[in-house]
Amino acid sequence: VITFIDTPGAYPGLEAEARGQAEAIARTLALSSRLTVPVVSV
């Protein structure tokens, strides 16, 4: 997995919060930390 990072942050809108913005970020962090394949972030 190769990721490219270029963002001011996650979208802070009300609709994003209503659909679980914090939960989505937390699950992405948890999943990426458990990957056994190589991950390079740029």
PDB file of all heavy atoms in Angstrom:
ATOM      1  N   VAL A   1       0.850  -1.193   0.000  1.00  0.00           N
ATOM      2  CA  VAL A   1       0.000   0.000   0.000  1.00  0.00           C
ATOM      3  C   VAL A   1       0.887   1.244   0.000  1.00  0.00           C
ATOM      4  O   VAL A   1       1.821   1.352   0.797  1.00  0.00           O
ATOM      5  CB  VAL A   1      -0.936   0.026   1.223  1.00  0.00           C
ATOM      6  CG1 VAL A   1      -1.786   1.304   1.225  1.00  0.00           C
ATOM      7  CG2 VAL A   1      -1.835  -1.203   1.242  1.00  0.00           C
ATOM      8  N   ILE A   2       0.597   2.169  -0.906  1.00  0.00           N
ATOM      9  CA  ILE A   2       1.295   3.456  -0.970  1.00  0.00           C
ATOM     10  C   ILE A   2       0.252   4.552  -0.810  1.00  0.00           C
ATOM     11  O   ILE A   2      -0.721   4.610  -1.570  1.00  0.00           O
ATOM     12  CB  ILE A   2       2.051   3.630  -2.303  1.00  0.00           C
ATOM     13  CG1 ILE A   2       3.075   2.502  -2.478  1.00  0.00           C
ATOM     14  CG2 ILE A   2       2.748   4.983  -2.345  1.00  0.00           C
ATOM     15  CD1 ILE A   2       3.778   2.523  -3.820  1.00  0.00           C
ATOM     16  N   THR A   3       0.429   5.400   0.192  1.00  0.00           N
ATOM     17  CA  THR A   3      -0.522   6.483   0.428  1.00  0.00           C
ATOM     18  C   THR A   3       0.143   7.827   0.206  1.00  0.00           C
ATOM     19  O   THR A   3       1.329   8.008   0.495  1.00  0.00           O
ATOM     20  CB  THR A   3      -1.089   6.430   1.858  1.00  0.00           C
ATOM     21  OG1 THR A   3      -0.050   6.687   2.808  1.00  0.00           O
ATOM     22  CG2 THR A   3      -1.701   5.064   2.152  1.00  0.00           C
ATOM     23  N   PHE A   4      -0.626   8.780  -0.302  1.00  0.00           N
ATOM     24  CA  PHE A   4      -0.166  10.159  -0.509  1.00  0.00           C
ATOM     25  C   PHE A   4      -1.036  11.085   0.344  1.00  0.00           C
ATOM     26  O   PHE A   4      -2.268  11.069   0.222  1.00  0.00           O
ATOM     27  CB  PHE A   4      -0.258  10.541  -1.986  1.00  0.00           C
ATOM     28  CG  PHE A   4       0.664   9.758  -2.869  1.00  0.00           C
ATOM     29  CD1 PHE A   4       0.191   8.678  -3.602  1.00  0.00           C
ATOM     30  CD2 PHE A   4       2.005  10.083  -2.958  1.00  0.00           C
ATOM     31  CE1 PHE A   4       1.046   7.948  -4.413  1.00  0.00           C
ATOM     32  CE2 PHE A   4       2.868   9.360  -3.768  1.00  0.00           C
ATOM     33  CZ  PHE A   4       2.388   8.288  -4.499  1.00  0.00           C
ATOM     34  N   ILE A   5      -0.388  11.873   1.185  1.00  0.00           N
ATOM     35  CA  ILE A   5      -1.089  12.703   2.165  1.00  0.00           C
ATOM     36  C   ILE A   5      -0.992  14.166   1.766  1.00  0.00           C
ATOM     37  O   ILE A   5       0.106  14.707   1.625  1.00  0.00           O
ATOM     38  CB  ILE A   5      -0.494  12.496   3.571  1.00  0.00           C
ATOM     39  CG1 ILE A   5      -0.639  11.038   3.993  1.00  0.00           C
ATOM     40  CG2 ILE A   5      -1.148  13.419   4.590  1.00  0.00           C
ATOM     41  CD1 ILE A   5       0.145  10.681   5.244  1.00  0.00           C
ATOM     42  N   ASP A   6      -2.139  14.802   1.595  1.00  0.00           N
ATOM     43  CA  ASP A   6      -2.186  16.228   1.259  1.00  0.00           C
ATOM     44  C   ASP A   6      -3.578  16.752   1.581  1.00  0.00           C
ATOM     45  O   ASP A   6      -4.448  16.826   0.720  1.00  0.00           O
ATOM     46  CB  ASP A   6      -1.853  16.452  -0.212  1.00  0.00           C
ATOM     47  CG  ASP A   6      -1.775  17.940  -0.574  1.00  0.00           C
ATOM     48  OD1 ASP A   6      -1.720  18.766   0.355  1.00  0.00           O
ATOM     49  OD2 ASP A   6      -1.754  18.266  -1.774  1.00  0.00           O
ATOM     50  N   THR A   7      -3.795  17.111   2.845  1.00  0.00           N
ATOM     51  CA  THR A   7      -5.114  17.577   3.280  1.00  0.00           C
ATOM     52  C   THR A   7      -4.979  18.522   4.469  1.00  0.00           C
ATOM     53  O   THR A   7      -4.109  18.328   5.325  1.00  0.00           O
ATOM     54  CB  THR A   7      -6.013  16.385   3.684  1.00  0.00           C
ATOM     55  OG1 THR A   7      -7.282  16.878   4.135  1.00  0.00           O
ATOM     56  CG2 THR A   7      -5.378  15.564   4.785  1.00  0.00           C
ATOM     57  N   PRO A   8      -5.834  19.548   4.540  1.00  0.00           N
ATOM     58  CA  PRO A   8      -5.850  20.394   5.742  1.00  0.00           C
ATOM     59  C   PRO A   8      -6.408  19.663   6.950  1.00  0.00           C
ATOM     60  O   PRO A   8      -6.192  20.079   8.089  1.00  0.00           O
ATOM     61  CB  PRO A   8      -6.763  21.567   5.340  1.00  0.00           C
ATOM     62  CG  PRO A   8      -6.901  21.486   3.856  1.00  0.00           C
ATOM     63  CD  PRO A   8      -6.735  20.050   3.500  1.00  0.00           C
ATOM     64  N   GLY A   9      -7.145  18.584   6.713  1.00  0.00           N
ATOM     65  CA  GLY A   9      -7.783  17.824   7.780  1.00  0.00           C
ATOM     66  C   GLY A   9      -9.056  17.178   7.266  1.00  0.00           C
ATOM     67  O   GLY A   9      -9.425  17.316   6.102  1.00  0.00           O
ATOM     68  N   ALA A  10      -9.722  16.451   8.135  1.00  0.00           N
ATOM     69  CA  ALA A  10     -10.987  15.828   7.763  1.00  0.00           C
ATOM     70  C   ALA A  10     -12.085  16.887   7.649  1.00  0.00           C
ATOM     71  O   ALA A  10     -12.037  17.926   8.318  1.00  0.00           O
ATOM     72  CB  ALA A  10     -11.372  14.771   8.792  1.00  0.00           C
ATOM     73  N   TYR A  11     -13.080  16.625   6.794  1.00  0.00           N
ATOM     74  CA  TYR A  11     -14.166  17.570   6.588  1.00  0.00           C
ATOM     75  C   TYR A  11     -14.977  17.721   7.880  1.00  0.00           C
ATOM     76  O   TYR A  11     -15.466  16.743   8.441  1.00  0.00           O
ATOM     77  CB  TYR A  11     -15.069  17.094   5.456  1.00  0.00           C
ATOM     78  CG  TYR A  11     -16.204  18.046   5.147  1.00  0.00           C
ATOM     79  CD1 TYR A  11     -15.949  19.358   4.796  1.00  0.00           C
ATOM     80  CD2 TYR A  11     -17.536  17.628   5.225  1.00  0.00           C
ATOM     81  CE1 TYR A  11     -16.978  20.248   4.519  1.00  0.00           C
ATOM     82  CE2 TYR A  11     -18.570  18.501   4.944  1.00  0.00           C
ATOM     83  CZ  TYR A  11     -18.290  19.806   4.594  1.00  0.00           C
ATOM     84  OH  TYR A  11     -19.314  20.677   4.326  1.00  0.00           O
ATOM     85  N   PRO A  12     -15.144  18.967   8.405  1.00  0.00           N
ATOM     86  CA  PRO A  12     -15.801  19.172   9.697  1.00  0.00           C
ATOM     87  C   PRO A  12     -17.291  19.483   9.613  1.00  0.00           C
ATOM     88  O   PRO A  12     -17.864  19.986  10.575  1.00  0.00           O
ATOM     89  CB  PRO A  12     -15.032  20.365  10.267  1.00  0.00           C
ATOM     90  CG  PRO A  12     -14.712  21.187   9.052  1.00  0.00           C
ATOM     91  CD  PRO A  12     -14.497  20.201   7.917  1.00  0.00           C
ATOM     92  N   GLY A  13     -17.931  19.227   8.478  1.00  0.00           N
ATOM     93  CA  GLY A  13     -19.339  19.576   8.322  1.00  0.00           C
ATOM     94  C   GLY A  13     -20.265  18.767   9.213  1.00  0.00           C
ATOM     95  O   GLY A  13     -19.924  17.671   9.670  1.00  0.00           O
ATOM     96  N   LEU A  14     -21.470  19.296   9.444  1.00  0.00           N
ATOM     97  CA  LEU A  14     -22.442  18.620  10.302  1.00  0.00           C
ATOM     98  C   LEU A  14     -22.830  17.259   9.743  1.00  0.00           C
ATOM     99  O   LEU A  14     -22.983  16.291  10.485  1.00  0.00           O
ATOM    100  CB  LEU A  14     -23.690  19.501  10.463  1.00  0.00           C
ATOM    101  CG  LEU A  14     -23.528  20.775  11.309  1.00  0.00           C
ATOM    102  CD1 LEU A  14     -24.816  21.585  11.292  1.00  0.00           C
ATOM    103  CD2 LEU A  14     -23.155  20.418  12.738  1.00  0.00           C
ATOM    104  N   GLU A  15     -22.993  17.199   8.400  1.00  0.00           N
ATOM    105  CA  GLU A  15     -23.385  15.927   7.803  1.00  0.00           C
ATOM    106  C   GLU A  15     -22.292  14.880   7.954  1.00  0.00           C
ATOM    107  O   GLU A  15     -22.574  13.681   8.124  1.00  0.00           O
ATOM    108  CB  GLU A  15     -23.744  16.110   6.321  1.00  0.00           C
ATOM    109  CG  GLU A  15     -22.612  16.638   5.435  1.00  0.00           C
ATOM    110  CD  GLU A  15     -22.492  18.136   5.393  1.00  0.00           C
ATOM    111  OE1 GLU A  15     -22.968  18.796   6.336  1.00  0.00           O
ATOM    112  OE2 GLU A  15     -21.918  18.657   4.421  1.00  0.00           O
ATOM    113  N   ALA A  16     -21.027  15.309   7.908  1.00  0.00           N
ATOM    114  CA  ALA A  16     -19.929  14.370   8.109  1.00  0.00           C
ATOM    115  C   ALA A  16     -19.917  13.839   9.542  1.00  0.00           C
ATOM    116  O   ALA A  16     -19.703  12.639   9.775  1.00  0.00           O
ATOM    117  CB  ALA A  16     -18.592  15.033   7.780  1.00  0.00           C
ATOM    118  N   GLU A  17     -20.149  14.715  10.504  1.00  0.00           N
ATOM    119  CA  GLU A  17     -20.206  14.281  11.892  1.00  0.00           C
ATOM    120  C   GLU A  17     -21.389  13.343  12.117  1.00  0.00           C
ATOM    121  O   GLU A  17     -21.292  12.364  12.865  1.00  0.00           O
ATOM    122  CB  GLU A  17     -20.314  15.499  12.820  1.00  0.00           C
ATOM    123  CG  GLU A  17     -19.119  16.434  12.773  1.00  0.00           C
ATOM    124  CD  GLU A  17     -17.833  15.773  13.257  1.00  0.00           C
ATOM    125  OE1 GLU A  17     -17.917  14.808  14.038  1.00  0.00           O
ATOM    126  OE2 GLU A  17     -16.750  16.228  12.845  1.00  0.00           O
ATOM    127  N   ALA A  18     -22.518  13.634  11.475  1.00  0.00           N
ATOM    128  CA  ALA A  18     -23.698  12.784  11.638  1.00  0.00           C
ATOM    129  C   ALA A  18     -23.474  11.383  11.082  1.00  0.00           C
ATOM    130  O   ALA A  18     -24.065  10.407  11.574  1.00  0.00           O
ATOM    131  CB  ALA A  18     -24.903  13.441  10.950  1.00  0.00           C
ATOM    132  N   ARG A  19     -22.622  11.269  10.063  1.00  0.00           N
ATOM    133  CA  ARG A  19     -22.361   9.950   9.457  1.00  0.00           C
ATOM    134  C   ARG A  19     -21.117   9.280  10.053  1.00  0.00           C
ATOM    135  O   ARG A  19     -20.642   8.291   9.515  1.00  0.00           O
ATOM    136  CB  ARG A  19     -22.216  10.090   7.940  1.00  0.00           C
ATOM    137  CG  ARG A  19     -23.493  10.543   7.245  1.00  0.00           C
ATOM    138  CD  ARG A  19     -23.451  10.286   5.745  1.00  0.00           C
ATOM    139  NE  ARG A  19     -22.389  11.017   5.079  1.00  0.00           N
ATOM    140  CZ  ARG A  19     -22.507  12.261   4.596  1.00  0.00           C
ATOM    141  NH1 ARG A  19     -23.650  12.908   4.740  1.00  0.00           N
ATOM    142  NH2 ARG A  19     -21.499  12.850   3.986  1.00  0.00           N
ATOM    143  N   GLY A  20     -20.605   9.809  11.150  1.00  0.00           N
ATOM    144  CA  GLY A  20     -19.539   9.118  11.878  1.00  0.00           C
ATOM    145  C   GLY A  20     -18.143   9.426  11.409  1.00  0.00           C
ATOM    146  O   GLY A  20     -17.354   8.507  11.156  1.00  0.00           O
ATOM    147  N   GLN A  21     -17.789  10.717  11.326  1.00  0.00           N
ATOM    148  CA  GLN A  21     -16.456  11.094  10.864  1.00  0.00           C
ATOM    149  C   GLN A  21     -15.364  10.557  11.792  1.00  0.00           C
ATOM    150  O   GLN A  21     -14.390   9.953  11.335  1.00  0.00           O
ATOM    151  CB  GLN A  21     -16.358  12.628  10.766  1.00  0.00           C
ATOM    152  CG  GLN A  21     -15.037  13.162  10.272  1.00  0.00           C
ATOM    153  CD  GLN A  21     -14.803  12.921   8.789  1.00  0.00           C
ATOM    154  OE1 GLN A  21     -14.562  11.786   8.376  1.00  0.00           O
ATOM    155  NE2 GLN A  21     -14.887  13.972   7.993  1.00  0.00           N
ATOM    156  N   ALA A  22     -15.523  10.778  13.090  1.00  0.00           N
ATOM    157  CA  ALA A  22     -14.497  10.344  14.048  1.00  0.00           C
ATOM    158  C   ALA A  22     -14.354   8.824  14.040  1.00  0.00           C
ATOM    159  O   ALA A  22     -13.241   8.283  14.100  1.00  0.00           O
ATOM    160  CB  ALA A  22     -14.847  10.840  15.448  1.00  0.00           C
ATOM    161  N   GLU A  23     -15.485   8.134  13.957  1.00  0.00           N
ATOM    162  CA  GLU A  23     -15.444   6.662  13.926  1.00  0.00           C
ATOM    163  C   GLU A  23     -14.738   6.159  12.682  1.00  0.00           C
ATOM    164  O   GLU A  23     -13.953   5.193  12.737  1.00  0.00           O
ATOM    165  CB  GLU A  23     -16.878   6.116  13.998  1.00  0.00           C
ATOM    166  CG  GLU A  23     -16.988   4.619  14.028  1.00  0.00           C
ATOM    167  CD  GLU A  23     -17.111   3.983  12.641  1.00  0.00           C
ATOM    168  OE1 GLU A  23     -17.320   4.737  11.661  1.00  0.00           O
ATOM    169  OE2 GLU A  23     -16.980   2.744  12.549  1.00  0.00           O
ATOM    170  N   ALA A  24     -14.978   6.803  11.547  1.00  0.00           N
ATOM    171  CA  ALA A  24     -14.349   6.377  10.295  1.00  0.00           C
ATOM    172  C   ALA A  24     -12.832   6.564  10.354  1.00  0.00           C
ATOM    173  O   ALA A  24     -12.069   5.691   9.916  1.00  0.00           O
ATOM    174  CB  ALA A  24     -14.941   7.162   9.125  1.00  0.00           C
ATOM    175  N   ILE A  25     -12.390   7.688  10.914  1.00  0.00           N
ATOM    176  CA  ILE A  25     -10.945   7.923  11.046  1.00  0.00           C
ATOM    177  C   ILE A  25     -10.325   6.917  12.007  1.00  0.00           C
ATOM    178  O   ILE A  25      -9.258   6.344  11.741  1.00  0.00           O
ATOM    179  CB  ILE A  25     -10.686   9.369  11.518  1.00  0.00           C
ATOM    180  CG1 ILE A  25     -11.120  10.365  10.448  1.00  0.00           C
ATOM    181  CG2 ILE A  25      -9.211   9.570  11.862  1.00  0.00           C
ATOM    182  CD1 ILE A  25     -11.021  11.812  10.884  1.00  0.00           C
ATOM    183  N   ALA A  26     -10.996   6.691  13.138  1.00  0.00           N
ATOM    184  CA  ALA A  26     -10.465   5.755  14.134  1.00  0.00           C
ATOM    185  C   ALA A  26     -10.347   4.345  13.559  1.00  0.00           C
ATOM    186  O   ALA A  26      -9.346   3.645  13.786  1.00  0.00           O
ATOM    187  CB  ALA A  26     -11.367   5.752  15.368  1.00  0.00           C
ATOM    188  N   ARG A  27     -11.348   3.901  12.818  1.00  0.00           N
ATOM    189  CA  ARG A  27     -11.292   2.556  12.227  1.00  0.00           C
ATOM    190  C   ARG A  27     -10.193   2.462  11.158  1.00  0.00           C
ATOM    191  O   ARG A  27      -9.548   1.421  11.017  1.00  0.00           O
ATOM    192  CB  ARG A  27     -12.647   2.178  11.627  1.00  0.00           C
ATOM    193  CG  ARG A  27     -13.686   1.801  12.667  1.00  0.00           C
ATOM    194  CD  ARG A  27     -14.944   1.247  12.021  1.00  0.00           C
ATOM    195  NE  ARG A  27     -15.927   0.875  13.017  1.00  0.00           N
ATOM    196  CZ  ARG A  27     -15.968  -0.299  13.653  1.00  0.00           C
ATOM    197  NH1 ARG A  27     -15.047  -1.221  13.379  1.00  0.00           N
ATOM    198  NH2 ARG A  27     -16.911  -0.546  14.543  1.00  0.00           N
ATOM    199  N   THR A  28      -9.997   3.554  10.421  1.00  0.00           N
ATOM    200  CA  THR A  28      -8.925   3.556   9.418  1.00  0.00           C
ATOM    201  C   THR A  28      -7.566   3.443  10.097  1.00  0.00           C
ATOM    202  O   THR A  28      -6.684   2.696   9.640  1.00  0.00           O
ATOM    203  CB  THR A  28      -8.987   4.836   8.572  1.00  0.00           C
ATOM    204  OG1 THR A  28     -10.300   4.988   8.022  1.00  0.00           O
ATOM    205  CG2 THR A  28      -7.976   4.782   7.434  1.00  0.00           C
ATOM    206  N   LEU A  29      -7.374   4.167  11.198  1.00  0.00           N
ATOM    207  CA  LEU A  29      -6.129   4.079  11.952  1.00  0.00           C
ATOM    208  C   LEU A  29      -5.910   2.669  12.499  1.00  0.00           C
ATOM    209  O   LEU A  29      -4.806   2.109  12.410  1.00  0.00           O
ATOM    210  CB  LEU A  29      -6.140   5.080  13.105  1.00  0.00           C
ATOM    211  CG  LEU A  29      -5.977   6.563  12.747  1.00  0.00           C
ATOM    212  CD1 LEU A  29      -6.338   7.441  13.935  1.00  0.00           C
ATOM    213  CD2 LEU A  29      -4.554   6.834  12.296  1.00  0.00           C
ATOM    214  N   ALA A  30      -6.971   2.093  13.070  1.00  0.00           N
ATOM    215  CA  ALA A  30      -6.851   0.749  13.644  1.00  0.00           C
ATOM    216  C   ALA A  30      -6.545  -0.285  12.566  1.00  0.00           C
ATOM    217  O   ALA A  30      -5.698  -1.173  12.750  1.00  0.00           O
ATOM    218  CB  ALA A  30      -8.146   0.392  14.376  1.00  0.00           C
ATOM    219  N   LEU A  31      -7.221  -0.165  11.420  1.00  0.00           N
ATOM    220  CA  LEU A  31      -7.003  -1.126  10.342  1.00  0.00           C
ATOM    221  C   LEU A  31      -5.604  -1.001   9.759  1.00  0.00           C
ATOM    222  O   LEU A  31      -4.914  -2.017   9.564  1.00  0.00           O
ATOM    223  CB  LEU A  31      -8.054  -0.906   9.250  1.00  0.00           C
ATOM    224  CG  LEU A  31      -7.895  -1.738   7.967  1.00  0.00           C
ATOM    225  CD1 LEU A  31      -7.944  -3.222   8.290  1.00  0.00           C
ATOM    226  CD2 LEU A  31      -8.960  -1.363   6.952  1.00  0.00           C
ATOM    227  N   SER A  32      -5.164   0.215   9.484  1.00  0.00           N
ATOM    228  CA  SER A  32      -3.843   0.394   8.871  1.00  0.00           C
ATOM    229  C   SER A  32      -2.723  -0.052   9.805  1.00  0.00           C
ATOM    230  O   SER A  32      -1.666  -0.495   9.348  1.00  0.00           O
ATOM    231  CB  SER A  32      -3.646   1.859   8.461  1.00  0.00           C
ATOM    232  OG  SER A  32      -3.801   2.719   9.569  1.00  0.00           O
ATOM    233  N   SER A  33      -2.937   0.046  11.111  1.00  0.00           N
ATOM    234  CA  SER A  33      -1.911  -0.403  12.055  1.00  0.00           C
ATOM    235  C   SER A  33      -1.826  -1.921  12.147  1.00  0.00           C
ATOM    236  O   SER A  33      -0.838  -2.461  12.650  1.00  0.00           O
ATOM    237  CB  SER A  33      -2.181   0.188  13.445  1.00  0.00           C
ATOM    238  OG  SER A  33      -3.396  -0.318  13.978  1.00  0.00           O
ATOM    239  N   ARG A  34      -2.866  -2.629  11.664  1.00  0.00           N
ATOM    240  CA  ARG A  34      -2.867  -4.100  11.709  1.00  0.00           C
ATOM    241  C   ARG A  34      -2.465  -4.742  10.390  1.00  0.00           C
ATOM    242  O   ARG A  34      -2.375  -5.969  10.309  1.00  0.00           O
ATOM    243  CB  ARG A  34      -4.261  -4.612  12.099  1.00  0.00           C
ATOM    244  CG  ARG A  34      -4.699  -4.264  13.506  1.00  0.00           C
ATOM    245  CD  ARG A  34      -5.868  -5.142  13.939  1.00  0.00           C
ATOM    246  NE  ARG A  34      -6.984  -5.040  13.008  1.00  0.00           N
ATOM    247  CZ  ARG A  34      -8.007  -4.195  13.142  1.00  0.00           C
ATOM    248  NH1 ARG A  34      -8.033  -3.359  14.177  1.00  0.00           N
ATOM    249  NH2 ARG A  34      -8.986  -4.173  12.261  1.00  0.00           N
ATOM    250  N   LEU A  35      -2.246  -3.953   9.356  1.00  0.00           N
ATOM    251  CA  LEU A  35      -1.899  -4.521   8.058  1.00  0.00           C
ATOM    252  C   LEU A  35      -0.554  -5.243   8.132  1.00  0.00           C
ATOM    253  O   LEU A  35       0.395  -4.759   8.749  1.00  0.00           O
ATOM    254  CB  LEU A  35      -1.843  -3.426   6.992  1.00  0.00           C
ATOM    255  CG  LEU A  35      -3.162  -2.732   6.626  1.00  0.00           C
ATOM    256  CD1 LEU A  35      -2.913  -1.619   5.622  1.00  0.00           C
ATOM    257  CD2 LEU A  35      -4.172  -3.728   6.082  1.00  0.00           C
ATOM    258  N   THR A  36      -0.489  -6.390   7.475  1.00  0.00           N
ATOM    259  CA  THR A  36       0.772  -7.139   7.425  1.00  0.00           C
ATOM    260  C   THR A  36       1.531  -6.907   6.127  1.00  0.00           C
ATOM    261  O   THR A  36       2.686  -7.324   6.011  1.00  0.00           O
ATOM    262  CB  THR A  36       0.500  -8.638   7.597  1.00  0.00           C
ATOM    263  OG1 THR A  36      -0.379  -9.098   6.556  1.00  0.00           O
ATOM    264  CG2 THR A  36      -0.147  -8.923   8.955  1.00  0.00           C
ATOM    265  N   VAL A  37       0.893  -6.252   5.159  1.00  0.00           N
ATOM    266  CA  VAL A  37       1.592  -5.915   3.918  1.00  0.00           C
ATOM    267  C   VAL A  37       2.362  -4.612   4.134  1.00  0.00           C
ATOM    268  O   VAL A  37       2.023  -3.814   5.013  1.00  0.00           O
ATOM    269  CB  VAL A  37       0.600  -5.761   2.743  1.00  0.00           C
ATOM    270  CG1 VAL A  37      -0.085  -7.079   2.460  1.00  0.00           C
ATOM    271  CG2 VAL A  37      -0.430  -4.677   3.037  1.00  0.00           C
ATOM    272  N   PRO A  38       3.427  -4.371   3.358  1.00  0.00           N
ATOM    273  CA  PRO A  38       4.187  -3.125   3.521  1.00  0.00           C
ATOM    274  C   PRO A  38       3.329  -1.898   3.203  1.00  0.00           C
ATOM    275  O   PRO A  38       2.558  -1.897   2.244  1.00  0.00           O
ATOM    276  CB  PRO A  38       5.333  -3.275   2.519  1.00  0.00           C
ATOM    277  CG  PRO A  38       5.427  -4.741   2.240  1.00  0.00           C
ATOM    278  CD  PRO A  38       4.051  -5.277   2.372  1.00  0.00           C
ATOM    279  N   VAL A  39       3.497  -0.864   4.021  1.00  0.00           N
ATOM    280  CA  VAL A  39       2.777   0.398   3.826  1.00  0.00           C
ATOM    281  C   VAL A  39       3.791   1.531   3.800  1.00  0.00           C
ATOM    282  O   VAL A  39       4.585   1.684   4.740  1.00  0.00           O
ATOM    283  CB  VAL A  39       1.742   0.648   4.935  1.00  0.00           C
ATOM    284  CG1 VAL A  39       1.001   1.962   4.675  1.00  0.00           C
ATOM    285  CG2 VAL A  39       0.751  -0.509   5.025  1.00  0.00           C
ATOM    286  N   VAL A  40       3.775   2.313   2.739  1.00  0.00           N
ATOM    287  CA  VAL A  40       4.637   3.491   2.610  1.00  0.00           C
ATOM    288  C   VAL A  40       3.744   4.718   2.494  1.00  0.00           C
ATOM    289  O   VAL A  40       2.895   4.791   1.601  1.00  0.00           O
ATOM    290  CB  VAL A  40       5.564   3.388   1.380  1.00  0.00           C
ATOM    291  CG1 VAL A  40       6.394   4.662   1.243  1.00  0.00           C
ATOM    292  CG2 VAL A  40       6.461   2.169   1.479  1.00  0.00           C
ATOM    293  N   SER A  41       3.920   5.658   3.404  1.00  0.00           N
ATOM    294  CA  SER A  41       3.126   6.886   3.403  1.00  0.00           C
ATOM    295  C   SER A  41       4.017   8.063   3.037  1.00  0.00           C
ATOM    296  O   SER A  41       5.122   8.193   3.574  1.00  0.00           O
ATOM    297  CB  SER A  41       2.495   7.115   4.779  1.00  0.00           C
ATOM    298  OG  SER A  41       1.647   6.044   5.141  1.00  0.00           O
ATOM    299  N   VAL A  42       3.523   8.910   2.145  1.00  0.00           N
ATOM    300  CA  VAL A  42       4.296  10.057   1.675  1.00  0.00           C
ATOM    301  C   VAL A  42       3.479  11.326   1.887  1.00  0.00           C
ATOM    302  O   VAL A  42       2.379  11.461   1.349  1.00  0.00           O
ATOM    303  CB  VAL A  42       4.657   9.921   0.185  1.00  0.00           C
ATOM    304  CG1 VAL A  42       5.572  11.062  -0.230  1.00  0.00           C
ATOM    305  CG2 VAL A  42       5.295   8.573  -0.102  1.00  0.00           C
TER     306      VAL A  42
END
